[in-house]
């Protein structure tokens, strides 16, 4: 049901209970109790027309969260945010790798093969991103390396840009393997337009992605 249709449906339901748009939760419950008693088929020789219409209206308003005690009149319940996970496009993953490779050419200049291999191993690219409102979670299949790490991330998912912007973030880790990095608020505000928080999960498999969106 579209938002405009929901507004019209709420107005019709309130009207069926004899109420206007300013009715609060107490008004709705009182109106339903009154109609349920006086329009019940037992009091109307089996005629359940008004009773059925009022019950349908009350059930709809209850599903919209308008019958809960303490609700402000005319204010529907805010819908619960749903989590979702989006697989990154190949082009976005490639853009992250290109950015890392460009920076890598400067990082390993003059380094021996072992040092260069270590730098490459400590570079990461996400395969998917999870959304929960304005909170972002990036899923990286590679594990964190001990010491310096870099991860290239598409950053403009929540912005109105036509193409995704990509940034490289660097961090130090005392351990190797699976882990989670929480991007500082200052960096989130500067580099991830529209995001309220950013997390990066490393050594993340499909099960971790499934657990993310299944958890509500």
N, C-alpha and C. Protein backbone atom coordinates (compact mmCIF):
# COMPACT_ATOMS: atom_id res chain seq x y z
N UNK A 1 0.84 -1.19 0.00
CA UNK A 1 0.00 0.00 0.00
C UNK A 1 0.88 1.25 0.00
N UNK A 2 0.63 2.16 -0.93
CA UNK A 2 1.39 3.39 -1.03
C UNK A 2 1.08 4.31 0.15
N UNK A 3 2.02 5.25 0.50
CA UNK A 3 1.78 6.18 1.61
C UNK A 3 0.47 6.94 1.50
N UNK A 4 0.16 7.44 0.29
CA UNK A 4 -1.09 8.20 0.10
C UNK A 4 -2.30 7.31 0.37
N UNK A 5 -2.22 6.05 -0.09
CA UNK A 5 -3.31 5.12 0.14
C UNK A 5 -3.48 4.82 1.62
N UNK A 6 -2.35 4.73 2.36
CA UNK A 6 -2.42 4.45 3.80
C UNK A 6 -3.09 5.61 4.53
N UNK A 7 -2.76 6.84 4.13
CA UNK A 7 -3.37 8.01 4.77
C UNK A 7 -4.88 7.98 4.58
N UNK A 8 -5.30 7.68 3.34
CA UNK A 8 -6.74 7.61 3.05
C UNK A 8 -7.40 6.48 3.82
N UNK A 9 -6.70 5.33 3.93
CA UNK A 9 -7.25 4.19 4.66
C UNK A 9 -7.41 4.49 6.14
N UNK A 10 -6.44 5.22 6.73
CA UNK A 10 -6.55 5.61 8.14
C UNK A 10 -7.72 6.54 8.36
N UNK A 11 -7.90 7.49 7.41
CA UNK A 11 -9.02 8.43 7.53
C UNK A 11 -10.35 7.69 7.46
N UNK A 12 -10.44 6.73 6.55
CA UNK A 12 -11.68 5.95 6.41
C UNK A 12 -11.94 5.12 7.66
N UNK A 13 -10.88 4.54 8.22
CA UNK A 13 -11.04 3.70 9.41
C UNK A 13 -11.49 4.54 10.61
N UNK A 14 -10.90 5.73 10.76
CA UNK A 14 -11.31 6.61 11.86
C UNK A 14 -12.76 7.05 11.67
N UNK A 15 -13.13 7.34 10.44
CA UNK A 15 -14.50 7.76 10.15
C UNK A 15 -15.49 6.64 10.47
N UNK A 16 -15.08 5.39 10.20
CA UNK A 16 -15.96 4.25 10.48
C UNK A 16 -16.23 4.11 11.98
N UNK A 17 -15.30 4.63 12.79
CA UNK A 17 -15.48 4.59 14.24
C UNK A 17 -16.09 5.89 14.76
N UNK A 18 -16.43 6.81 13.84
CA UNK A 18 -17.04 8.08 14.24
C UNK A 18 -16.03 9.07 14.78
N UNK A 19 -14.78 8.97 14.35
CA UNK A 19 -13.71 9.82 14.87
C UNK A 19 -13.10 10.67 13.77
N UNK A 20 -12.41 11.76 14.17
CA UNK A 20 -11.73 12.59 13.19
C UNK A 20 -10.22 12.30 13.23
N UNK A 21 -9.45 13.05 12.45
CA UNK A 21 -8.02 12.79 12.31
C UNK A 21 -7.22 13.07 13.57
N UNK A 22 -7.79 13.81 14.51
CA UNK A 22 -7.07 14.15 15.74
C UNK A 22 -7.30 13.15 16.86
N UNK A 23 -7.99 12.07 16.58
CA UNK A 23 -8.29 11.08 17.61
C UNK A 23 -7.02 10.39 18.09
N UNK A 24 -6.93 10.21 19.41
CA UNK A 24 -5.79 9.51 19.98
C UNK A 24 -6.10 8.05 20.23
N UNK A 25 -5.13 7.34 20.78
CA UNK A 25 -5.30 5.90 21.00
C UNK A 25 -6.46 5.60 21.96
N UNK A 26 -6.60 6.43 23.01
CA UNK A 26 -7.71 6.22 23.96
C UNK A 26 -9.06 6.41 23.27
N UNK A 27 -9.14 7.45 22.40
CA UNK A 27 -10.38 7.70 21.68
C UNK A 27 -10.75 6.51 20.79
N UNK A 28 -9.74 5.95 20.13
CA UNK A 28 -9.99 4.83 19.21
C UNK A 28 -10.48 3.61 19.97
N UNK A 29 -9.81 3.30 21.10
CA UNK A 29 -10.22 2.13 21.88
C UNK A 29 -11.62 2.31 22.47
N UNK A 30 -11.91 3.52 22.98
CA UNK A 30 -13.23 3.79 23.56
C UNK A 30 -14.33 3.69 22.50
N UNK A 31 -14.03 4.22 21.29
CA UNK A 31 -15.03 4.16 20.22
C UNK A 31 -15.30 2.72 19.81
N UNK A 32 -14.24 1.93 19.74
CA UNK A 32 -14.42 0.53 19.37
C UNK A 32 -15.21 -0.23 20.42
N UNK A 33 -14.90 0.00 21.69
CA UNK A 33 -15.64 -0.70 22.75
C UNK A 33 -17.13 -0.33 22.71
N UNK A 34 -17.40 0.95 22.46
CA UNK A 34 -18.79 1.40 22.41
C UNK A 34 -19.53 0.73 21.25
N UNK A 35 -18.90 0.74 20.08
CA UNK A 35 -19.56 0.14 18.91
C UNK A 35 -19.66 -1.37 19.05
N UNK A 36 -18.61 -1.98 19.59
CA UNK A 36 -18.59 -3.44 19.73
C UNK A 36 -19.75 -3.91 20.62
N UNK A 37 -20.09 -3.08 21.62
CA UNK A 37 -21.20 -3.46 22.50
C UNK A 37 -22.56 -3.18 21.86
N UNK A 38 -22.73 -1.95 21.36
CA UNK A 38 -24.05 -1.54 20.89
C UNK A 38 -24.39 -2.07 19.50
N UNK A 39 -23.34 -2.34 18.68
CA UNK A 39 -23.61 -2.83 17.32
C UNK A 39 -23.40 -4.32 17.20
N UNK A 40 -23.15 -5.00 18.32
CA UNK A 40 -22.93 -6.45 18.26
C UNK A 40 -24.20 -7.14 17.75
N UNK A 41 -24.03 -8.18 16.94
CA UNK A 41 -25.20 -8.90 16.39
C UNK A 41 -26.19 -9.36 17.45
N UNK A 42 -25.70 -9.62 18.67
CA UNK A 42 -26.62 -10.06 19.73
C UNK A 42 -27.61 -8.97 20.09
N UNK A 43 -27.20 -7.68 19.85
CA UNK A 43 -28.09 -6.56 20.19
C UNK A 43 -28.82 -6.04 18.96
N UNK A 44 -28.52 -6.58 17.79
CA UNK A 44 -29.11 -6.08 16.55
C UNK A 44 -29.86 -7.18 15.79
N UNK A 45 -30.34 -8.15 16.51
CA UNK A 45 -31.10 -9.24 15.89
C UNK A 45 -30.34 -9.91 14.75
N UNK A 46 -29.05 -10.10 14.98
CA UNK A 46 -28.25 -10.81 13.98
C UNK A 46 -27.63 -9.93 12.92
N UNK A 47 -27.95 -8.63 12.87
CA UNK A 47 -27.37 -7.73 11.86
C UNK A 47 -25.96 -7.35 12.29
N UNK A 48 -24.97 -7.78 11.50
CA UNK A 48 -23.58 -7.52 11.89
C UNK A 48 -22.87 -6.55 10.95
N UNK A 49 -23.63 -5.79 10.15
CA UNK A 49 -23.02 -4.90 9.15
C UNK A 49 -22.13 -3.85 9.80
N UNK A 50 -22.71 -3.08 10.74
CA UNK A 50 -21.94 -2.02 11.40
C UNK A 50 -20.82 -2.58 12.26
N UNK A 51 -21.10 -3.69 12.91
CA UNK A 51 -20.09 -4.32 13.76
C UNK A 51 -18.88 -4.76 12.92
N UNK A 52 -19.13 -5.40 11.80
CA UNK A 52 -18.05 -5.89 10.94
C UNK A 52 -17.22 -4.74 10.39
N UNK A 53 -17.89 -3.67 9.98
CA UNK A 53 -17.18 -2.50 9.44
C UNK A 53 -16.30 -1.86 10.50
N UNK A 54 -16.84 -1.74 11.73
CA UNK A 54 -16.07 -1.14 12.81
C UNK A 54 -14.89 -2.03 13.22
N UNK A 55 -15.11 -3.34 13.23
CA UNK A 55 -14.03 -4.25 13.62
C UNK A 55 -12.90 -4.21 12.59
N UNK A 56 -13.26 -4.16 11.31
CA UNK A 56 -12.25 -4.08 10.26
C UNK A 56 -11.44 -2.78 10.39
N UNK A 57 -12.15 -1.69 10.71
CA UNK A 57 -11.48 -0.40 10.89
C UNK A 57 -10.54 -0.44 12.09
N UNK A 58 -11.02 -0.99 13.20
CA UNK A 58 -10.19 -1.06 14.42
C UNK A 58 -8.96 -1.95 14.20
N UNK A 59 -9.15 -3.09 13.54
CA UNK A 59 -8.03 -3.99 13.27
C UNK A 59 -6.97 -3.30 12.41
N UNK A 60 -7.42 -2.51 11.45
CA UNK A 60 -6.46 -1.79 10.60
C UNK A 60 -5.69 -0.76 11.42
N UNK A 61 -6.38 0.02 12.23
CA UNK A 61 -5.72 1.05 13.05
C UNK A 61 -4.77 0.42 14.05
N UNK A 62 -5.13 -0.74 14.56
CA UNK A 62 -4.24 -1.44 15.49
C UNK A 62 -2.97 -1.90 14.77
N UNK A 63 -3.11 -2.39 13.52
CA UNK A 63 -1.94 -2.82 12.76
C UNK A 63 -1.03 -1.65 12.42
N UNK A 64 -1.59 -0.44 12.38
CA UNK A 64 -0.81 0.76 12.11
C UNK A 64 -0.18 1.34 13.37
N UNK A 65 -0.46 0.71 14.51
CA UNK A 65 0.13 1.18 15.76
C UNK A 65 -0.59 2.36 16.39
N UNK A 66 -1.84 2.63 15.98
CA UNK A 66 -2.56 3.80 16.48
C UNK A 66 -3.41 3.53 17.71
N UNK A 67 -3.42 2.28 18.18
CA UNK A 67 -4.24 1.96 19.34
C UNK A 67 -3.41 1.74 20.61
N UNK A 68 -2.08 1.84 20.49
CA UNK A 68 -1.22 1.60 21.64
C UNK A 68 -1.27 2.78 22.60
N UNK A 69 -1.37 2.51 23.88
CA UNK A 69 -1.43 3.58 24.87
C UNK A 69 -0.21 4.48 24.77
N UNK A 70 -0.46 5.77 24.88
CA UNK A 70 0.63 6.72 24.85
C UNK A 70 0.95 7.25 23.47
N UNK A 71 0.30 6.73 22.43
CA UNK A 71 0.54 7.22 21.07
C UNK A 71 -0.02 8.63 20.94
N UNK A 72 0.76 9.49 20.28
CA UNK A 72 0.30 10.86 20.05
C UNK A 72 -0.81 10.83 19.00
N UNK A 73 -1.91 11.58 19.21
CA UNK A 73 -2.99 11.58 18.23
C UNK A 73 -2.49 11.89 16.82
N UNK A 74 -2.97 11.07 15.87
CA UNK A 74 -2.63 11.31 14.48
C UNK A 74 -1.25 10.87 14.06
N UNK A 75 -0.45 10.32 14.98
CA UNK A 75 0.91 9.90 14.66
C UNK A 75 0.98 8.38 14.53
N UNK A 76 1.16 7.85 13.32
CA UNK A 76 1.26 6.40 13.16
C UNK A 76 2.60 5.89 13.69
N UNK A 77 2.64 4.61 13.96
CA UNK A 77 3.87 3.99 14.45
C UNK A 77 4.93 4.04 13.37
N UNK A 78 6.15 4.42 13.78
CA UNK A 78 7.26 4.45 12.83
C UNK A 78 7.62 3.03 12.42
N UNK A 79 7.71 2.77 11.12
CA UNK A 79 8.01 1.40 10.68
C UNK A 79 9.40 0.97 11.13
N UNK A 80 9.53 -0.31 11.44
CA UNK A 80 10.80 -0.85 11.89
C UNK A 80 11.77 -0.94 10.72
N UNK A 81 13.01 -0.48 10.95
CA UNK A 81 14.01 -0.51 9.90
C UNK A 81 14.42 -1.96 9.61
N UNK A 82 14.46 -2.28 8.35
CA UNK A 82 14.84 -3.62 7.94
C UNK A 82 16.30 -3.63 7.49
N UNK A 83 17.00 -4.68 7.83
CA UNK A 83 18.38 -4.84 7.38
C UNK A 83 18.39 -5.48 6.00
N UNK A 84 19.38 -5.11 5.20
CA UNK A 84 19.55 -5.75 3.90
C UNK A 84 21.02 -5.77 3.56
N UNK A 85 21.40 -6.73 2.73
CA UNK A 85 22.79 -6.88 2.29
C UNK A 85 22.80 -6.82 0.77
N UNK A 86 23.70 -5.99 0.22
CA UNK A 86 23.81 -5.82 -1.23
C UNK A 86 25.20 -6.26 -1.67
N UNK A 87 25.22 -7.16 -2.66
CA UNK A 87 26.49 -7.58 -3.24
C UNK A 87 27.04 -6.44 -4.10
N UNK A 88 28.33 -6.16 -3.98
CA UNK A 88 28.92 -5.10 -4.78
C UNK A 88 29.02 -5.50 -6.24
N UNK A 89 28.81 -4.53 -7.11
CA UNK A 89 28.98 -4.76 -8.54
C UNK A 89 30.45 -5.01 -8.86
N UNK A 90 30.70 -5.79 -9.90
CA UNK A 90 32.08 -6.08 -10.32
C UNK A 90 32.84 -4.80 -10.59
N UNK A 91 32.19 -3.82 -11.21
CA UNK A 91 32.84 -2.55 -11.53
C UNK A 91 33.28 -1.82 -10.26
N UNK A 92 32.49 -1.90 -9.20
CA UNK A 92 32.85 -1.24 -7.95
C UNK A 92 34.03 -1.94 -7.27
N UNK A 93 34.03 -3.27 -7.31
CA UNK A 93 35.15 -4.03 -6.74
C UNK A 93 36.43 -3.74 -7.52
N UNK A 94 36.31 -3.69 -8.84
CA UNK A 94 37.48 -3.38 -9.67
C UNK A 94 38.02 -1.99 -9.38
N UNK A 95 37.12 -1.03 -9.16
CA UNK A 95 37.55 0.34 -8.86
C UNK A 95 38.33 0.38 -7.55
N UNK A 96 37.89 -0.42 -6.58
CA UNK A 96 38.62 -0.49 -5.30
C UNK A 96 40.01 -1.07 -5.51
N UNK A 97 40.11 -2.11 -6.32
CA UNK A 97 41.41 -2.75 -6.57
C UNK A 97 42.36 -1.82 -7.32
N UNK A 98 41.81 -1.09 -8.28
CA UNK A 98 42.64 -0.13 -9.03
C UNK A 98 43.20 0.93 -8.09
N UNK A 99 42.36 1.41 -7.19
CA UNK A 99 42.82 2.43 -6.24
C UNK A 99 43.93 1.89 -5.35
N UNK A 100 43.77 0.65 -4.88
CA UNK A 100 44.80 0.04 -4.05
C UNK A 100 46.08 -0.19 -4.84
N UNK A 101 45.95 -0.65 -6.08
CA UNK A 101 47.13 -0.91 -6.90
C UNK A 101 47.91 0.36 -7.22
N UNK A 102 47.16 1.46 -7.40
CA UNK A 102 47.82 2.74 -7.67
C UNK A 102 48.65 3.17 -6.46
N UNK A 103 48.05 3.03 -5.28
CA UNK A 103 48.78 3.39 -4.06
C UNK A 103 49.89 2.39 -3.77
N UNK A 104 49.67 1.12 -4.17
CA UNK A 104 50.64 0.07 -3.91
C UNK A 104 51.95 0.32 -4.66
N UNK A 105 51.85 0.86 -5.88
CA UNK A 105 53.04 1.10 -6.67
C UNK A 105 54.02 2.01 -5.94
N UNK A 106 53.47 2.94 -5.16
CA UNK A 106 54.34 3.85 -4.39
C UNK A 106 54.80 3.20 -3.10
N UNK A 107 53.96 2.33 -2.53
CA UNK A 107 54.29 1.72 -1.23
C UNK A 107 55.43 0.72 -1.34
N UNK A 108 55.52 -0.02 -2.45
CA UNK A 108 56.52 -1.09 -2.56
C UNK A 108 57.72 -0.67 -3.38
N UNK A 109 57.78 0.56 -3.80
CA UNK A 109 58.92 1.05 -4.58
C UNK A 109 60.20 0.90 -3.76
N UNK A 110 61.10 0.09 -4.24
CA UNK A 110 62.36 -0.14 -3.53
C UNK A 110 62.30 -1.26 -2.52
N UNK A 111 61.11 -1.87 -2.30
CA UNK A 111 60.99 -2.96 -1.32
C UNK A 111 61.35 -4.28 -1.98
N UNK A 112 61.80 -5.26 -1.18
CA UNK A 112 62.10 -6.56 -1.74
C UNK A 112 60.81 -7.35 -1.94
N UNK A 113 60.91 -8.57 -2.53
CA UNK A 113 59.72 -9.35 -2.87
C UNK A 113 58.89 -9.72 -1.66
N UNK A 114 59.57 -10.07 -0.55
CA UNK A 114 58.85 -10.47 0.66
C UNK A 114 58.05 -9.30 1.23
N UNK A 115 58.66 -8.14 1.25
CA UNK A 115 57.96 -6.95 1.77
C UNK A 115 56.79 -6.58 0.86
N UNK A 116 56.98 -6.68 -0.44
CA UNK A 116 55.91 -6.36 -1.38
C UNK A 116 54.74 -7.32 -1.22
N UNK A 117 55.04 -8.62 -1.04
CA UNK A 117 53.98 -9.61 -0.87
C UNK A 117 53.19 -9.35 0.40
N UNK A 118 53.88 -8.91 1.44
CA UNK A 118 53.21 -8.62 2.71
C UNK A 118 52.26 -7.43 2.57
N UNK A 119 52.68 -6.42 1.80
CA UNK A 119 51.81 -5.27 1.58
C UNK A 119 50.56 -5.68 0.82
N UNK A 120 50.73 -6.51 -0.23
CA UNK A 120 49.59 -6.97 -1.01
C UNK A 120 48.62 -7.76 -0.14
N UNK A 121 49.13 -8.62 0.73
CA UNK A 121 48.29 -9.44 1.59
C UNK A 121 47.49 -8.60 2.57
N UNK A 122 48.01 -7.43 2.91
CA UNK A 122 47.34 -6.57 3.88
C UNK A 122 46.37 -5.59 3.23
N UNK A 123 46.16 -5.72 1.92
CA UNK A 123 45.18 -4.89 1.21
C UNK A 123 43.86 -5.65 1.09
N UNK A 124 42.75 -4.93 1.28
CA UNK A 124 41.44 -5.58 1.33
C UNK A 124 40.41 -4.84 0.50
N UNK A 125 39.47 -5.61 -0.06
CA UNK A 125 38.36 -5.06 -0.83
C UNK A 125 37.08 -5.78 -0.38
N UNK A 126 36.00 -5.07 -0.10
CA UNK A 126 34.75 -5.72 0.32
C UNK A 126 34.01 -6.36 -0.85
N UNK A 127 33.21 -7.37 -0.55
CA UNK A 127 32.36 -8.00 -1.56
C UNK A 127 30.90 -7.61 -1.41
N UNK A 128 30.53 -7.10 -0.23
CA UNK A 128 29.13 -6.76 0.02
C UNK A 128 29.06 -5.69 1.09
N UNK A 129 27.91 -5.03 1.15
CA UNK A 129 27.68 -4.02 2.18
C UNK A 129 26.29 -4.22 2.76
N UNK A 130 26.21 -4.14 4.09
CA UNK A 130 24.93 -4.28 4.77
C UNK A 130 24.39 -2.91 5.17
N UNK A 131 23.07 -2.76 5.06
CA UNK A 131 22.42 -1.50 5.39
C UNK A 131 21.43 -1.73 6.54
N UNK A 132 21.47 -0.84 7.50
CA UNK A 132 20.45 -0.80 8.55
C UNK A 132 20.15 0.66 8.80
N UNK A 133 19.21 1.20 8.02
CA UNK A 133 19.00 2.64 8.03
C UNK A 133 20.24 3.33 7.46
N UNK A 134 20.82 4.23 8.24
CA UNK A 134 22.03 4.95 7.80
C UNK A 134 23.30 4.34 8.39
N UNK A 135 23.19 3.12 8.90
CA UNK A 135 24.36 2.41 9.43
C UNK A 135 24.87 1.42 8.38
N UNK A 136 26.15 1.49 8.06
CA UNK A 136 26.74 0.64 7.02
C UNK A 136 27.68 -0.39 7.63
N UNK A 137 27.64 -1.60 7.09
CA UNK A 137 28.56 -2.66 7.48
C UNK A 137 29.14 -3.27 6.21
N UNK A 138 30.46 -3.18 6.07
CA UNK A 138 31.14 -3.75 4.90
C UNK A 138 31.63 -5.15 5.24
N UNK A 139 31.48 -6.08 4.30
CA UNK A 139 31.90 -7.46 4.50
C UNK A 139 33.10 -7.76 3.59
N UNK A 140 34.23 -8.08 4.23
CA UNK A 140 35.49 -8.36 3.53
C UNK A 140 35.85 -9.81 3.79
N UNK A 141 36.09 -10.58 2.73
CA UNK A 141 36.35 -12.02 2.92
C UNK A 141 37.77 -12.30 3.39
N UNK A 142 38.70 -11.39 3.17
CA UNK A 142 40.09 -11.62 3.58
C UNK A 142 40.29 -11.29 5.05
N UNK A 143 41.19 -12.02 5.73
CA UNK A 143 41.43 -11.75 7.15
C UNK A 143 42.37 -10.57 7.35
N UNK A 144 42.27 -9.98 8.51
CA UNK A 144 43.16 -8.89 8.89
C UNK A 144 44.58 -9.44 9.07
N UNK A 145 45.55 -8.64 8.68
CA UNK A 145 46.96 -9.00 8.91
C UNK A 145 47.50 -8.24 10.12
N UNK A 146 48.44 -8.84 10.81
CA UNK A 146 49.06 -8.15 11.93
C UNK A 146 49.90 -7.00 11.38
N UNK A 147 49.71 -5.82 11.98
CA UNK A 147 50.45 -4.65 11.54
C UNK A 147 49.57 -3.74 10.68
N UNK A 148 50.18 -3.13 9.65
CA UNK A 148 49.46 -2.17 8.82
C UNK A 148 48.53 -2.88 7.82
N UNK A 149 47.31 -2.36 7.69
CA UNK A 149 46.32 -2.87 6.74
C UNK A 149 45.70 -1.70 5.99
N UNK A 150 45.25 -1.99 4.78
CA UNK A 150 44.52 -0.99 4.01
C UNK A 150 43.27 -1.65 3.42
N UNK A 151 42.18 -0.87 3.37
CA UNK A 151 40.95 -1.38 2.78
C UNK A 151 40.36 -0.27 1.90
N UNK A 152 40.01 -0.63 0.67
CA UNK A 152 39.38 0.32 -0.25
C UNK A 152 37.87 0.12 -0.20
N UNK A 153 37.14 1.19 0.03
CA UNK A 153 35.69 1.09 0.21
C UNK A 153 34.93 2.07 -0.68
N UNK A 154 33.87 1.61 -1.35
CA UNK A 154 32.95 2.56 -1.98
C UNK A 154 32.23 3.31 -0.85
N UNK A 155 32.25 4.62 -0.88
CA UNK A 155 31.80 5.39 0.28
C UNK A 155 30.49 6.14 0.12
N UNK A 156 29.98 6.25 -1.10
CA UNK A 156 28.85 7.16 -1.34
C UNK A 156 27.52 6.43 -1.56
N UNK A 157 27.32 5.30 -0.89
CA UNK A 157 26.07 4.54 -1.06
C UNK A 157 24.84 5.37 -0.69
N UNK A 158 24.97 6.21 0.34
CA UNK A 158 23.83 6.95 0.84
C UNK A 158 23.74 8.36 0.26
N UNK A 159 24.66 8.70 -0.62
CA UNK A 159 24.65 10.01 -1.25
C UNK A 159 23.89 9.94 -2.57
N UNK A 160 23.65 11.10 -3.16
CA UNK A 160 22.90 11.14 -4.41
C UNK A 160 23.80 11.13 -5.64
N UNK A 161 25.07 10.78 -5.45
CA UNK A 161 26.02 10.78 -6.57
C UNK A 161 25.64 9.72 -7.59
N UNK A 162 25.90 10.00 -8.86
CA UNK A 162 25.56 9.05 -9.92
C UNK A 162 26.50 7.86 -9.91
N UNK A 163 27.74 8.06 -9.47
CA UNK A 163 28.70 6.97 -9.41
C UNK A 163 29.31 6.92 -8.02
N UNK A 164 29.68 5.72 -7.61
CA UNK A 164 30.24 5.55 -6.27
C UNK A 164 31.64 6.13 -6.17
N UNK A 165 31.88 6.84 -5.09
CA UNK A 165 33.23 7.31 -4.78
C UNK A 165 33.92 6.24 -3.96
N UNK A 166 35.24 6.15 -4.08
CA UNK A 166 36.00 5.12 -3.38
C UNK A 166 37.12 5.76 -2.58
N UNK A 167 37.33 5.27 -1.36
CA UNK A 167 38.37 5.77 -0.48
C UNK A 167 39.19 4.60 0.06
N UNK A 168 40.47 4.87 0.36
CA UNK A 168 41.32 3.89 1.01
C UNK A 168 41.50 4.29 2.47
N UNK A 169 41.17 3.38 3.37
CA UNK A 169 41.38 3.61 4.80
C UNK A 169 42.50 2.72 5.29
N UNK A 170 43.37 3.26 6.13
CA UNK A 170 44.49 2.51 6.70
C UNK A 170 44.30 2.35 8.20
N UNK A 171 44.72 1.20 8.72
CA UNK A 171 44.63 0.97 10.16
C UNK A 171 45.68 -0.05 10.59
N UNK A 172 45.96 -0.07 11.86
CA UNK A 172 46.92 -1.01 12.45
C UNK A 172 46.17 -2.07 13.25
N UNK A 173 46.65 -3.30 13.18
CA UNK A 173 46.03 -4.38 13.95
C UNK A 173 47.11 -5.13 14.73
N UNK A 174 46.78 -5.44 15.99
CA UNK A 174 47.71 -6.21 16.82
C UNK A 174 47.56 -7.71 16.61
N UNK A 175 46.48 -8.11 15.96
CA UNK A 175 46.21 -9.53 15.74
C UNK A 175 45.93 -9.79 14.26
N UNK A 176 45.94 -11.06 13.90
CA UNK A 176 45.61 -11.47 12.54
C UNK A 176 44.36 -12.37 12.57
N UNK A 177 43.62 -12.38 11.46
CA UNK A 177 42.45 -13.24 11.38
C UNK A 177 41.17 -12.45 11.26
N UNK A 178 40.08 -13.01 11.79
CA UNK A 178 38.78 -12.34 11.73
C UNK A 178 38.77 -11.15 12.67
N UNK A 179 37.97 -10.18 12.35
CA UNK A 179 37.88 -9.01 13.21
C UNK A 179 36.93 -7.97 12.66
N UNK A 180 36.71 -6.94 13.43
CA UNK A 180 35.82 -5.86 13.04
C UNK A 180 36.49 -4.53 13.36
N UNK A 181 36.40 -3.62 12.41
CA UNK A 181 36.93 -2.27 12.60
C UNK A 181 35.77 -1.28 12.56
N UNK A 182 35.69 -0.43 13.55
CA UNK A 182 34.68 0.62 13.59
C UNK A 182 35.34 1.92 13.13
N UNK A 183 34.84 2.47 12.06
CA UNK A 183 35.42 3.71 11.52
C UNK A 183 35.08 4.86 12.46
N UNK A 184 36.07 5.65 12.87
CA UNK A 184 35.80 6.79 13.77
C UNK A 184 34.76 7.74 13.19
N UNK A 185 34.00 8.36 14.09
CA UNK A 185 32.92 9.25 13.66
C UNK A 185 33.43 10.38 12.77
N UNK A 186 34.59 10.93 13.10
CA UNK A 186 35.12 12.05 12.32
C UNK A 186 35.37 11.63 10.87
N UNK A 187 35.90 10.42 10.68
CA UNK A 187 36.16 9.93 9.32
C UNK A 187 34.84 9.58 8.63
N UNK A 188 33.91 8.99 9.37
CA UNK A 188 32.60 8.67 8.80
C UNK A 188 31.91 9.92 8.27
N UNK A 189 31.93 10.96 9.07
CA UNK A 189 31.28 12.21 8.67
C UNK A 189 31.94 12.83 7.45
N UNK A 190 33.27 12.68 7.36
CA UNK A 190 34.01 13.32 6.27
C UNK A 190 34.00 12.52 4.98
N UNK A 191 34.05 11.20 5.08
CA UNK A 191 34.25 10.36 3.90
C UNK A 191 33.04 9.53 3.49
N UNK A 192 32.03 9.40 4.37
CA UNK A 192 30.86 8.57 4.05
C UNK A 192 29.60 9.43 4.15
N UNK A 193 29.31 10.21 3.11
CA UNK A 193 28.16 11.14 3.17
C UNK A 193 26.84 10.41 3.44
N UNK A 194 26.13 10.92 4.44
CA UNK A 194 24.83 10.35 4.78
C UNK A 194 24.86 9.23 5.79
N UNK A 195 26.05 8.66 6.05
CA UNK A 195 26.14 7.52 6.97
C UNK A 195 26.20 7.99 8.43
N UNK A 196 25.57 7.22 9.30
CA UNK A 196 25.61 7.52 10.73
C UNK A 196 26.72 6.74 11.41
N UNK A 197 27.00 5.54 10.92
CA UNK A 197 28.12 4.75 11.45
C UNK A 197 28.59 3.79 10.37
N UNK A 198 29.86 3.38 10.48
CA UNK A 198 30.46 2.47 9.50
C UNK A 198 31.27 1.42 10.23
N UNK A 199 31.03 0.15 9.90
CA UNK A 199 31.79 -0.97 10.44
C UNK A 199 32.33 -1.80 9.28
N UNK A 200 33.48 -2.41 9.50
CA UNK A 200 34.07 -3.28 8.48
C UNK A 200 34.36 -4.63 9.13
N UNK A 201 33.76 -5.69 8.60
CA UNK A 201 33.96 -7.03 9.13
C UNK A 201 34.91 -7.79 8.20
N UNK A 202 35.99 -8.32 8.78
CA UNK A 202 37.00 -9.05 8.01
C UNK A 202 36.85 -10.56 8.22
N UNK A 203 37.37 -11.32 7.23
CA UNK A 203 37.22 -12.76 7.24
C UNK A 203 35.73 -13.13 7.30
N UNK A 204 34.93 -12.34 6.57
CA UNK A 204 33.47 -12.48 6.61
C UNK A 204 33.00 -13.41 5.49
N UNK A 205 32.33 -14.48 5.87
CA UNK A 205 31.80 -15.43 4.88
C UNK A 205 30.31 -15.19 4.66
N UNK A 206 29.69 -16.04 3.85
CA UNK A 206 28.27 -15.89 3.54
C UNK A 206 27.41 -16.04 4.77
N UNK A 207 27.82 -16.90 5.69
CA UNK A 207 27.04 -17.10 6.91
C UNK A 207 26.97 -15.81 7.73
N UNK A 208 28.08 -15.06 7.76
CA UNK A 208 28.09 -13.81 8.50
C UNK A 208 27.13 -12.79 7.86
N UNK A 209 27.09 -12.79 6.53
CA UNK A 209 26.16 -11.88 5.85
C UNK A 209 24.72 -12.28 6.15
N UNK A 210 24.45 -13.58 6.11
CA UNK A 210 23.09 -14.05 6.40
C UNK A 210 22.68 -13.71 7.82
N UNK A 211 23.61 -13.90 8.76
CA UNK A 211 23.31 -13.59 10.17
C UNK A 211 22.99 -12.10 10.34
N UNK A 212 23.64 -11.27 9.55
CA UNK A 212 23.43 -9.81 9.65
C UNK A 212 21.98 -9.46 9.32
N UNK A 213 21.50 -9.90 8.14
CA UNK A 213 20.16 -9.48 7.74
C UNK A 213 19.05 -10.26 8.42
N UNK A 214 19.38 -11.45 8.96
CA UNK A 214 18.37 -12.20 9.69
C UNK A 214 18.13 -11.63 11.08
N UNK A 215 19.17 -10.97 11.65
CA UNK A 215 19.06 -10.37 12.97
C UNK A 215 18.25 -9.09 12.86
N UNK A 216 17.13 -9.03 13.55
CA UNK A 216 16.27 -7.85 13.46
C UNK A 216 16.08 -7.23 14.84
